[in-house]
Amino acid sequence: MNEAELRKKLELLRTEHRDLDAAIAALTEAGERTGFVDQLQIARLKKRKLRLKDQIAIIEDELLPDIIA
């Protein structure tokens, strides 16, 4: 992948990460109102969010290599 493709993918992953954050918050809030929190669904979303975070870190490392001078 070239740099432009990596940056585009990085932006998409960041957007999905933010969307998952909002979805988790909405599920938690809805669960508190109704008295039923779907812990399994929240756990799945959190796992997906962590995988996205790892993918984001990998792409950021490719774009900005750690140079020790």
PDB file of N, CA and C in Angstrom:
ATOM      1  N   MET A   1       0.841  -1.186   0.000  1.00  0.00           N
ATOM      2  CA  MET A   1       0.000   0.000   0.000  1.00  0.00           C
ATOM      3  C   MET A   1       0.881   1.243   0.000  1.00  0.00           C
ATOM      4  N   ASN A   2       0.462   2.217  -0.768  1.00  0.00           N
ATOM      5  CA  ASN A   2       1.220   3.460  -0.753  1.00  0.00           C
ATOM      6  C   ASN A   2       0.726   4.347   0.397  1.00  0.00           C
ATOM      7  N   GLU A   3       1.392   5.478   0.570  1.00  0.00           N
ATOM      8  CA  GLU A   3       1.082   6.344   1.711  1.00  0.00           C
ATOM      9  C   GLU A   3      -0.345   6.884   1.673  1.00  0.00           C
ATOM     10  N   ALA A   4      -0.824   7.245   0.493  1.00  0.00           N
ATOM     11  CA  ALA A   4      -2.185   7.780   0.370  1.00  0.00           C
ATOM     12  C   ALA A   4      -3.224   6.730   0.761  1.00  0.00           C
ATOM     13  N   GLU A   5      -3.010   5.491   0.326  1.00  0.00           N
ATOM     14  CA  GLU A   5      -3.940   4.411   0.677  1.00  0.00           C
ATOM     15  C   GLU A   5      -3.920   4.138   2.177  1.00  0.00           C
ATOM     16  N   LEU A   6      -2.715   4.175   2.770  1.00  0.00           N
ATOM     17  CA  LEU A   6      -2.601   3.959   4.213  1.00  0.00           C
ATOM     18  C   LEU A   6      -3.324   5.056   4.989  1.00  0.00           C
ATOM     19  N   ARG A   7      -3.168   6.298   4.548  1.00  0.00           N
ATOM     20  CA  ARG A   7      -3.840   7.412   5.233  1.00  0.00           C
ATOM     21  C   ARG A   7      -5.358   7.298   5.122  1.00  0.00           C
ATOM     22  N   LYS A   8      -5.835   6.879   3.956  1.00  0.00           N
ATOM     23  CA  LYS A   8      -7.279   6.701   3.760  1.00  0.00           C
ATOM     24  C   LYS A   8      -7.800   5.591   4.673  1.00  0.00           C
ATOM     25  N   LYS A   9      -7.083   4.467   4.720  1.00  0.00           N
ATOM     26  CA  LYS A   9      -7.483   3.350   5.574  1.00  0.00           C
ATOM     27  C   LYS A   9      -7.437   3.764   7.044  1.00  0.00           C
ATOM     28  N   LEU A  10      -6.422   4.525   7.411  1.00  0.00           N
ATOM     29  CA  LEU A  10      -6.290   5.002   8.783  1.00  0.00           C
ATOM     30  C   LEU A  10      -7.491   5.860   9.172  1.00  0.00           C
ATOM     31  N   GLU A  11      -7.902   6.743   8.288  1.00  0.00           N
ATOM     32  CA  GLU A  11      -9.058   7.602   8.576  1.00  0.00           C
ATOM     33  C   GLU A  11     -10.336   6.773   8.714  1.00  0.00           C
ATOM     34  N   LEU A  12     -10.502   5.769   7.857  1.00  0.00           N
ATOM     35  CA  LEU A  12     -11.677   4.896   7.951  1.00  0.00           C
ATOM     36  C   LEU A  12     -11.692   4.123   9.273  1.00  0.00           C
ATOM     37  N   LEU A  13     -10.532   3.624   9.675  1.00  0.00           N
ATOM     38  CA  LEU A  13     -10.448   2.886  10.937  1.00  0.00           C
ATOM     39  C   LEU A  13     -10.738   3.795  12.128  1.00  0.00           C
ATOM     40  N   ARG A  14     -10.220   5.012  12.084  1.00  0.00           N
ATOM     41  CA  ARG A  14     -10.480   5.962  13.176  1.00  0.00           C
ATOM     42  C   ARG A  14     -11.965   6.306  13.262  1.00  0.00           C
ATOM     43  N   THR A  15     -12.598   6.463  12.104  1.00  0.00           N
ATOM     44  CA  THR A  15     -14.032   6.757  12.077  1.00  0.00           C
ATOM     45  C   THR A  15     -14.823   5.600  12.670  1.00  0.00           C
ATOM     46  N   GLU A  16     -14.476   4.383  12.266  1.00  0.00           N
ATOM     47  CA  GLU A  16     -15.171   3.215  12.808  1.00  0.00           C
ATOM     48  C   GLU A  16     -14.948   3.094  14.317  1.00  0.00           C
ATOM     49  N   HIS A  17     -13.740   3.416  14.769  1.00  0.00           N
ATOM     50  CA  HIS A  17     -13.411   3.367  16.196  1.00  0.00           C
ATOM     51  C   HIS A  17     -14.298   4.344  16.973  1.00  0.00           C
ATOM     52  N   ARG A  18     -14.445   5.568  16.448  1.00  0.00           N
ATOM     53  CA  ARG A  18     -15.309   6.563  17.096  1.00  0.00           C
ATOM     54  C   ARG A  18     -16.768   6.114  17.091  1.00  0.00           C
ATOM     55  N   ASP A  19     -17.192   5.532  15.977  1.00  0.00           N
ATOM     56  CA  ASP A  19     -18.573   5.049  15.875  1.00  0.00           C
ATOM     57  C   ASP A  19     -18.849   3.944  16.895  1.00  0.00           C
ATOM     58  N   LEU A  20     -17.884   3.056  17.070  1.00  0.00           N
ATOM     59  CA  LEU A  20     -18.047   1.992  18.064  1.00  0.00           C
ATOM     60  C   LEU A  20     -18.121   2.572  19.468  1.00  0.00           C
ATOM     61  N   ASP A  21     -17.330   3.589  19.721  1.00  0.00           N
ATOM     62  CA  ASP A  21     -17.362   4.252  21.018  1.00  0.00           C
ATOM     63  C   ASP A  21     -18.758   4.808  21.294  1.00  0.00           C
ATOM     64  N   ALA A  22     -19.342   5.443  20.287  1.00  0.00           N
ATOM     65  CA  ALA A  22     -20.693   5.992  20.431  1.00  0.00           C
ATOM     66  C   ALA A  22     -21.723   4.881  20.607  1.00  0.00           C
ATOM     67  N   ALA A  23     -21.558   3.784  19.881  1.00  0.00           N
ATOM     68  CA  ALA A  23     -22.498   2.663  19.988  1.00  0.00           C
ATOM     69  C   ALA A  23     -22.440   2.027  21.373  1.00  0.00           C
ATOM     70  N   ILE A  24     -21.245   1.884  21.916  1.00  0.00           N
ATOM     71  CA  ILE A  24     -21.086   1.317  23.258  1.00  0.00           C
ATOM     72  C   ILE A  24     -21.753   2.223  24.288  1.00  0.00           C
ATOM     73  N   ALA A  25     -21.525   3.525  24.160  1.00  0.00           N
ATOM     74  CA  ALA A  25     -22.137   4.476  25.090  1.00  0.00           C
ATOM     75  C   ALA A  25     -23.658   4.434  24.990  1.00  0.00           C
ATOM     76  N   ALA A  26     -24.179   4.357  23.768  1.00  0.00           N
ATOM     77  CA  ALA A  26     -25.632   4.320  23.577  1.00  0.00           C
ATOM     78  C   ALA A  26     -26.234   3.043  24.160  1.00  0.00           C
ATOM     79  N   LEU A  27     -25.581   1.911  23.944  1.00  0.00           N
ATOM     80  CA  LEU A  27     -26.076   0.645  24.502  1.00  0.00           C
ATOM     81  C   LEU A  27     -26.069   0.670  26.027  1.00  0.00           C
ATOM     82  N   THR A  28     -25.014   1.215  26.581  1.00  0.00           N
ATOM     83  CA  THR A  28     -24.910   1.297  28.038  1.00  0.00           C
ATOM     84  C   THR A  28     -25.996   2.204  28.598  1.00  0.00           C
ATOM     85  N   GLU A  29     -26.175   3.348  27.968  1.00  0.00           N
ATOM     86  CA  GLU A  29     -27.194   4.302  28.423  1.00  0.00           C
ATOM     87  C   GLU A  29     -28.600   3.713  28.293  1.00  0.00           C
ATOM     88  N   ALA A  30     -28.875   3.071  27.176  1.00  0.00           N
ATOM     89  CA  ALA A  30     -30.190   2.456  26.968  1.00  0.00           C
ATOM     90  C   ALA A  30     -30.420   1.341  27.985  1.00  0.00           C
ATOM     91  N   GLY A  31     -29.386   0.599  28.272  1.00  0.00           N
ATOM     92  CA  GLY A  31     -29.496  -0.479  29.246  1.00  0.00           C
ATOM     93  C   GLY A  31     -29.774   0.032  30.644  1.00  0.00           C
ATOM     94  N   GLU A  32     -29.174   1.155  30.982  1.00  0.00           N
ATOM     95  CA  GLU A  32     -29.410   1.732  32.306  1.00  0.00           C
ATOM     96  C   GLU A  32     -30.847   2.215  32.444  1.00  0.00           C
ATOM     97  N   ARG A  33     -31.407   2.727  31.354  1.00  0.00           N
ATOM     98  CA  ARG A  33     -32.799   3.190  31.399  1.00  0.00           C
ATOM     99  C   ARG A  33     -33.778   2.031  31.502  1.00  0.00           C
ATOM    100  N   THR A  34     -33.508   0.958  30.763  1.00  0.00           N
ATOM    101  CA  THR A  34     -34.449  -0.171  30.728  1.00  0.00           C
ATOM    102  C   THR A  34     -34.179  -1.196  31.815  1.00  0.00           C
ATOM    103  N   GLY A  35     -33.010  -1.136  32.416  1.00  0.00           N
ATOM    104  CA  GLY A  35     -32.663  -2.109  33.449  1.00  0.00           C
ATOM    105  C   GLY A  35     -32.035  -3.374  32.887  1.00  0.00           C
ATOM    106  N   PHE A  36     -31.813  -3.430  31.578  1.00  0.00           N
ATOM    107  CA  PHE A  36     -31.184  -4.593  30.952  1.00  0.00           C
ATOM    108  C   PHE A  36     -30.020  -4.128  30.091  1.00  0.00           C
ATOM    109  N   VAL A  37     -28.819  -4.463  30.529  1.00  0.00           N
ATOM    110  CA  VAL A  37     -27.623  -4.116  29.774  1.00  0.00           C
ATOM    111  C   VAL A  37     -27.139  -5.381  29.072  1.00  0.00           C
ATOM    112  N   ASP A  38     -27.043  -5.336  27.759  1.00  0.00           N
ATOM    113  CA  ASP A  38     -26.590  -6.489  26.977  1.00  0.00           C
ATOM    114  C   ASP A  38     -25.062  -6.560  27.044  1.00  0.00           C
ATOM    115  N   GLN A  39     -24.571  -7.203  28.100  1.00  0.00           N
ATOM    116  CA  GLN A  39     -23.132  -7.270  28.336  1.00  0.00           C
ATOM    117  C   GLN A  39     -22.391  -7.990  27.213  1.00  0.00           C
ATOM    118  N   LEU A  40     -23.012  -9.009  26.644  1.00  0.00           N
ATOM    119  CA  LEU A  40     -22.366  -9.758  25.570  1.00  0.00           C
ATOM    120  C   LEU A  40     -22.143  -8.872  24.344  1.00  0.00           C
ATOM    121  N   GLN A  41     -23.147  -8.120  23.974  1.00  0.00           N
ATOM    122  CA  GLN A  41     -23.021  -7.222  22.818  1.00  0.00           C
ATOM    123  C   GLN A  41     -21.988  -6.133  23.097  1.00  0.00           C
ATOM    124  N   ILE A  42     -21.998  -5.595  24.295  1.00  0.00           N
ATOM    125  CA  ILE A  42     -21.021  -4.565  24.653  1.00  0.00           C
ATOM    126  C   ILE A  42     -19.611  -5.142  24.616  1.00  0.00           C
ATOM    127  N   ALA A  43     -19.431  -6.356  25.120  1.00  0.00           N
ATOM    128  CA  ALA A  43     -18.114  -6.997  25.101  1.00  0.00           C
ATOM    129  C   ALA A  43     -17.631  -7.211  23.668  1.00  0.00           C
ATOM    130  N   ARG A  44     -18.529  -7.615  22.788  1.00  0.00           N
ATOM    131  CA  ARG A  44     -18.152  -7.810  21.379  1.00  0.00           C
ATOM    132  C   ARG A  44     -17.715  -6.497  20.741  1.00  0.00           C
ATOM    133  N   LEU A  45     -18.460  -5.444  21.023  1.00  0.00           N
ATOM    134  CA  LEU A  45     -18.106  -4.142  20.464  1.00  0.00           C
ATOM    135  C   LEU A  45     -16.759  -3.662  21.003  1.00  0.00           C
ATOM    136  N   LYS A  46     -16.509  -3.899  22.281  1.00  0.00           N
ATOM    137  CA  LYS A  46     -15.233  -3.488  22.870  1.00  0.00           C
ATOM    138  C   LYS A  46     -14.068  -4.272  22.271  1.00  0.00           C
ATOM    139  N   LYS A  47     -14.267  -5.561  22.011  1.00  0.00           N
ATOM    140  CA  LYS A  47     -13.214  -6.360  21.372  1.00  0.00           C
ATOM    141  C   LYS A  47     -12.915  -5.828  19.978  1.00  0.00           C
ATOM    142  N   ARG A  48     -13.971  -5.518  19.238  1.00  0.00           N
ATOM    143  CA  ARG A  48     -13.797  -4.968  17.893  1.00  0.00           C
ATOM    144  C   ARG A  48     -13.048  -3.638  17.966  1.00  0.00           C
ATOM    145  N   LYS A  49     -13.396  -2.834  18.962  1.00  0.00           N
ATOM    146  CA  LYS A  49     -12.749  -1.537  19.140  1.00  0.00           C
ATOM    147  C   LYS A  49     -11.250  -1.710  19.429  1.00  0.00           C
ATOM    148  N   LEU A  50     -10.906  -2.707  20.242  1.00  0.00           N
ATOM    149  CA  LEU A  50      -9.497  -2.971  20.542  1.00  0.00           C
ATOM    150  C   LEU A  50      -8.742  -3.443  19.302  1.00  0.00           C
ATOM    151  N   ARG A  51      -9.381  -4.292  18.488  1.00  0.00           N
ATOM    152  CA  ARG A  51      -8.739  -4.737  17.242  1.00  0.00           C
ATOM    153  C   ARG A  51      -8.487  -3.544  16.316  1.00  0.00           C
ATOM    154  N   LEU A  52      -9.462  -2.647  16.252  1.00  0.00           N
ATOM    155  CA  LEU A  52      -9.290  -1.447  15.431  1.00  0.00           C
ATOM    156  C   LEU A  52      -8.137  -0.596  15.948  1.00  0.00           C
ATOM    157  N   LYS A  53      -8.050  -0.472  17.261  1.00  0.00           N
ATOM    158  CA  LYS A  53      -6.969   0.320  17.860  1.00  0.00           C
ATOM    159  C   LYS A  53      -5.608  -0.265  17.489  1.00  0.00           C
ATOM    160  N   ASP A  54      -5.506  -1.599  17.515  1.00  0.00           N
ATOM    161  CA  ASP A  54      -4.260  -2.255  17.126  1.00  0.00           C
ATOM    162  C   ASP A  54      -3.938  -2.009  15.654  1.00  0.00           C
ATOM    163  N   GLN A  55      -4.952  -2.103  14.796  1.00  0.00           N
ATOM    164  CA  GLN A  55      -4.741  -1.848  13.369  1.00  0.00           C
ATOM    165  C   GLN A  55      -4.318  -0.401  13.132  1.00  0.00           C
ATOM    166  N   ILE A  56      -4.925   0.515  13.863  1.00  0.00           N
ATOM    167  CA  ILE A  56      -4.570   1.931  13.750  1.00  0.00           C
ATOM    168  C   ILE A  56      -3.107   2.131  14.138  1.00  0.00           C
ATOM    169  N   ALA A  57      -2.680   1.506  15.224  1.00  0.00           N
ATOM    170  CA  ALA A  57      -1.293   1.641  15.681  1.00  0.00           C
ATOM    171  C   ALA A  57      -0.315   1.084  14.647  1.00  0.00           C
ATOM    172  N   ILE A  58      -0.660  -0.033  14.024  1.00  0.00           N
ATOM    173  CA  ILE A  58       0.211  -0.633  13.009  1.00  0.00           C
ATOM    174  C   ILE A  58       0.376   0.311  11.819  1.00  0.00           C
ATOM    175  N   ILE A  59      -0.722   0.875  11.360  1.00  0.00           N
ATOM    176  CA  ILE A  59      -0.657   1.782  10.211  1.00  0.00           C
ATOM    177  C   ILE A  59       0.093   3.059  10.578  1.00  0.00           C
ATOM    178  N   GLU A  60      -0.136   3.578  11.781  1.00  0.00           N
ATOM    179  CA  GLU A  60       0.588   4.777  12.210  1.00  0.00           C
ATOM    180  C   GLU A  60       2.086   4.510  12.255  1.00  0.00           C
ATOM    181  N   ASP A  61       2.479   3.312  12.706  1.00  0.00           N
ATOM    182  CA  ASP A  61       3.898   2.958  12.737  1.00  0.00           C
ATOM    183  C   ASP A  61       4.482   2.877  11.329  1.00  0.00           C
ATOM    184  N   GLU A  62       3.689   2.406  10.374  1.00  0.00           N
ATOM    185  CA  GLU A  62       4.157   2.352   8.986  1.00  0.00           C
ATOM    186  C   GLU A  62       4.330   3.755   8.419  1.00  0.00           C
ATOM    187  N   LEU A  63       3.416   4.650   8.763  1.00  0.00           N
ATOM    188  CA  LEU A  63       3.480   6.010   8.239  1.00  0.00           C
ATOM    189  C   LEU A  63       4.562   6.839   8.926  1.00  0.00           C
ATOM    190  N   LEU A  64       4.727   6.634  10.220  1.00  0.00           N
ATOM    191  CA  LEU A  64       5.712   7.394  10.994  1.00  0.00           C
ATOM    192  C   LEU A  64       6.653   6.420  11.692  1.00  0.00           C
ATOM    193  N   PRO A  65       7.662   5.924  10.989  1.00  0.00           N
ATOM    194  CA  PRO A  65       8.561   4.946  11.606  1.00  0.00           C
ATOM    195  C   PRO A  65       9.309   5.553  12.791  1.00  0.00           C
ATOM    196  N   ASP A  66       9.569   4.723  13.777  1.00  0.00           N
ATOM    197  CA  ASP A  66      10.276   5.146  14.985  1.00  0.00           C
ATOM    198  C   ASP A  66      11.771   5.173  14.678  1.00  0.00           C
ATOM    199  N   ILE A  67      12.301   6.369  14.497  1.00  0.00           N
ATOM    200  CA  ILE A  67      13.711   6.516  14.128  1.00  0.00           C
ATOM    201  C   ILE A  67      14.504   6.895  15.370  1.00  0.00           C
ATOM    202  N   ILE A  68      15.451   6.047  15.705  1.00  0.00           N
ATOM    203  CA  ILE A  68      16.323   6.330  16.846  1.00  0.00           C
ATOM    204  C   ILE A  68      17.599   6.951  16.293  1.00  0.00           C
ATOM    205  N   ALA A  69      17.851   8.192  16.700  1.00  0.00           N
ATOM    206  CA  ALA A  69      19.011   8.897  16.161  1.00  0.00           C
ATOM    207  C   ALA A  69      20.167   8.840  17.113  1.00  0.00           C
TER     208      ALA A  69
END
